[in-house]
């Protein structure tokens, strides 16, 4: 019998103007879904690579997986 957490897939699309609001969104998701393995699928248009890297690292710190394009 498996004891792994259920997976919660989150798909988001945003551009450079919405980087900070996306961090707020992710924080809310992580705080309110602690019983899930969160996987974030992000389509980030015109977002600097440094911001994408920060988002991926933040997701990892929260125990999530982040797939960004």
C-alpha atoms as a PDB file:
ATOM      1  CA  UNK A   1       0.000   0.000   0.000  1.00  0.00           C
ATOM      2  CA  UNK A   2       1.379   3.396  -0.986  1.00  0.00           C
ATOM      3  CA  UNK A   3       1.745   6.153   1.595  1.00  0.00           C
ATOM      4  CA  UNK A   4       2.686   8.874  -0.859  1.00  0.00           C
ATOM      5  CA  UNK A   5       0.768  12.141  -0.926  1.00  0.00           C
ATOM      6  CA  UNK A   6      -1.739  12.794  -3.699  1.00  0.00           C
ATOM      7  CA  UNK A   7      -0.459  15.056  -6.457  1.00  0.00           C
ATOM      8  CA  UNK A   8      -1.947  18.493  -7.060  1.00  0.00           C
ATOM      9  CA  UNK A   9      -1.093  19.880 -10.507  1.00  0.00           C
ATOM     10  CA  UNK A  10      -1.207  23.674 -10.841  1.00  0.00           C
ATOM     11  CA  UNK A  11      -0.917  25.289 -14.277  1.00  0.00           C
ATOM     12  CA  UNK A  12      -0.150  29.015 -14.455  1.00  0.00           C
ATOM     13  CA  UNK A  13       0.770  31.380 -17.257  1.00  0.00           C
ATOM     14  CA  UNK A  14       2.158  34.845 -16.640  1.00  0.00           C
ATOM     15  CA  UNK A  15       4.554  37.490 -17.896  1.00  0.00           C
ATOM     16  CA  UNK A  16       7.193  39.651 -16.239  1.00  0.00           C
ATOM     17  CA  UNK A  17       4.588  42.046 -14.772  1.00  0.00           C
ATOM     18  CA  UNK A  18       3.048  39.241 -12.676  1.00  0.00           C
ATOM     19  CA  UNK A  19       6.170  37.677 -11.147  1.00  0.00           C
ATOM     20  CA  UNK A  20       5.472  38.988  -7.630  1.00  0.00           C
ATOM     21  CA  UNK A  21       1.763  38.060  -7.659  1.00  0.00           C
ATOM     22  CA  UNK A  22       2.752  34.543  -8.753  1.00  0.00           C
ATOM     23  CA  UNK A  23       4.899  34.203  -5.619  1.00  0.00           C
ATOM     24  CA  UNK A  24       1.849  35.224  -3.546  1.00  0.00           C
ATOM     25  CA  UNK A  25      -0.274  32.671  -5.400  1.00  0.00           C
ATOM     26  CA  UNK A  26       2.276  29.920  -4.871  1.00  0.00           C
ATOM     27  CA  UNK A  27       2.621  30.736  -1.177  1.00  0.00           C
ATOM     28  CA  UNK A  28      -1.140  30.414  -0.731  1.00  0.00           C
ATOM     29  CA  UNK A  29      -1.202  27.125  -2.618  1.00  0.00           C
ATOM     30  CA  UNK A  30       1.665  25.688  -0.569  1.00  0.00           C
ATOM     31  CA  UNK A  31       0.214  26.810   2.772  1.00  0.00           C
ATOM     32  CA  UNK A  32      -3.274  25.521   2.047  1.00  0.00           C
ATOM     33  CA  UNK A  33      -2.343  22.189   0.457  1.00  0.00           C
ATOM     34  CA  UNK A  34       0.251  20.715   2.781  1.00  0.00           C
ATOM     35  CA  UNK A  35      -1.173  17.207   2.368  1.00  0.00           C
ATOM     36  CA  UNK A  36      -0.435  17.232  -1.366  1.00  0.00           C
ATOM     37  CA  UNK A  37       2.658  16.901  -3.504  1.00  0.00           C
ATOM     38  CA  UNK A  38       2.311  20.121  -5.511  1.00  0.00           C
ATOM     39  CA  UNK A  39       3.547  20.205  -9.079  1.00  0.00           C
ATOM     40  CA  UNK A  40       3.607  23.649 -10.667  1.00  0.00           C
ATOM     41  CA  UNK A  41       3.534  23.888 -14.461  1.00  0.00           C
ATOM     42  CA  UNK A  42       4.430  27.468 -15.384  1.00  0.00           C
ATOM     43  CA  UNK A  43       4.447  29.209 -18.733  1.00  0.00           C
ATOM     44  CA  UNK A  44       6.497  32.333 -18.092  1.00  0.00           C
ATOM     45  CA  UNK A  45       6.559  34.736 -21.028  1.00  0.00           C
ATOM     46  CA  UNK A  46       9.251  37.448 -21.109  1.00  0.00           C
ATOM     47  CA  UNK A  47      10.292  36.577 -17.555  1.00  0.00           C
ATOM     48  CA  UNK A  48      14.015  36.936 -16.821  1.00  0.00           C
ATOM     49  CA  UNK A  49      15.875  33.678 -16.235  1.00  0.00           C
ATOM     50  CA  UNK A  50      16.860  34.886 -12.755  1.00  0.00           C
ATOM     51  CA  UNK A  51      13.182  35.236 -11.773  1.00  0.00           C
ATOM     52  CA  UNK A  52      12.402  31.782 -13.168  1.00  0.00           C
ATOM     53  CA  UNK A  53      15.292  30.350 -11.171  1.00  0.00           C
ATOM     54  CA  UNK A  54      14.014  32.032  -7.986  1.00  0.00           C
ATOM     55  CA  UNK A  55      10.554  30.575  -8.546  1.00  0.00           C
ATOM     56  CA  UNK A  56      11.911  27.074  -9.126  1.00  0.00           C
ATOM     57  CA  UNK A  57      14.091  27.289  -6.013  1.00  0.00           C
ATOM     58  CA  UNK A  58      11.179  28.600  -3.941  1.00  0.00           C
ATOM     59  CA  UNK A  59       8.994  25.703  -5.091  1.00  0.00           C
ATOM     60  CA  UNK A  60      11.736  23.215  -4.188  1.00  0.00           C
ATOM     61  CA  UNK A  61      12.088  24.758  -0.732  1.00  0.00           C
ATOM     62  CA  UNK A  62       8.382  24.167  -0.234  1.00  0.00           C
ATOM     63  CA  UNK A  63       8.707  20.520  -1.283  1.00  0.00           C
ATOM     64  CA  UNK A  64       7.081  21.101  -4.664  1.00  0.00           C
ATOM     65  CA  UNK A  65       8.159  20.429  -8.213  1.00  0.00           C
ATOM     66  CA  UNK A  66       8.209  23.344 -10.654  1.00  0.00           C
ATOM     67  CA  UNK A  67       8.322  22.898 -14.399  1.00  0.00           C
ATOM     68  CA  UNK A  68       8.821  26.222 -16.164  1.00  0.00           C
ATOM     69  CA  UNK A  69       9.059  27.225 -19.796  1.00  0.00           C
END
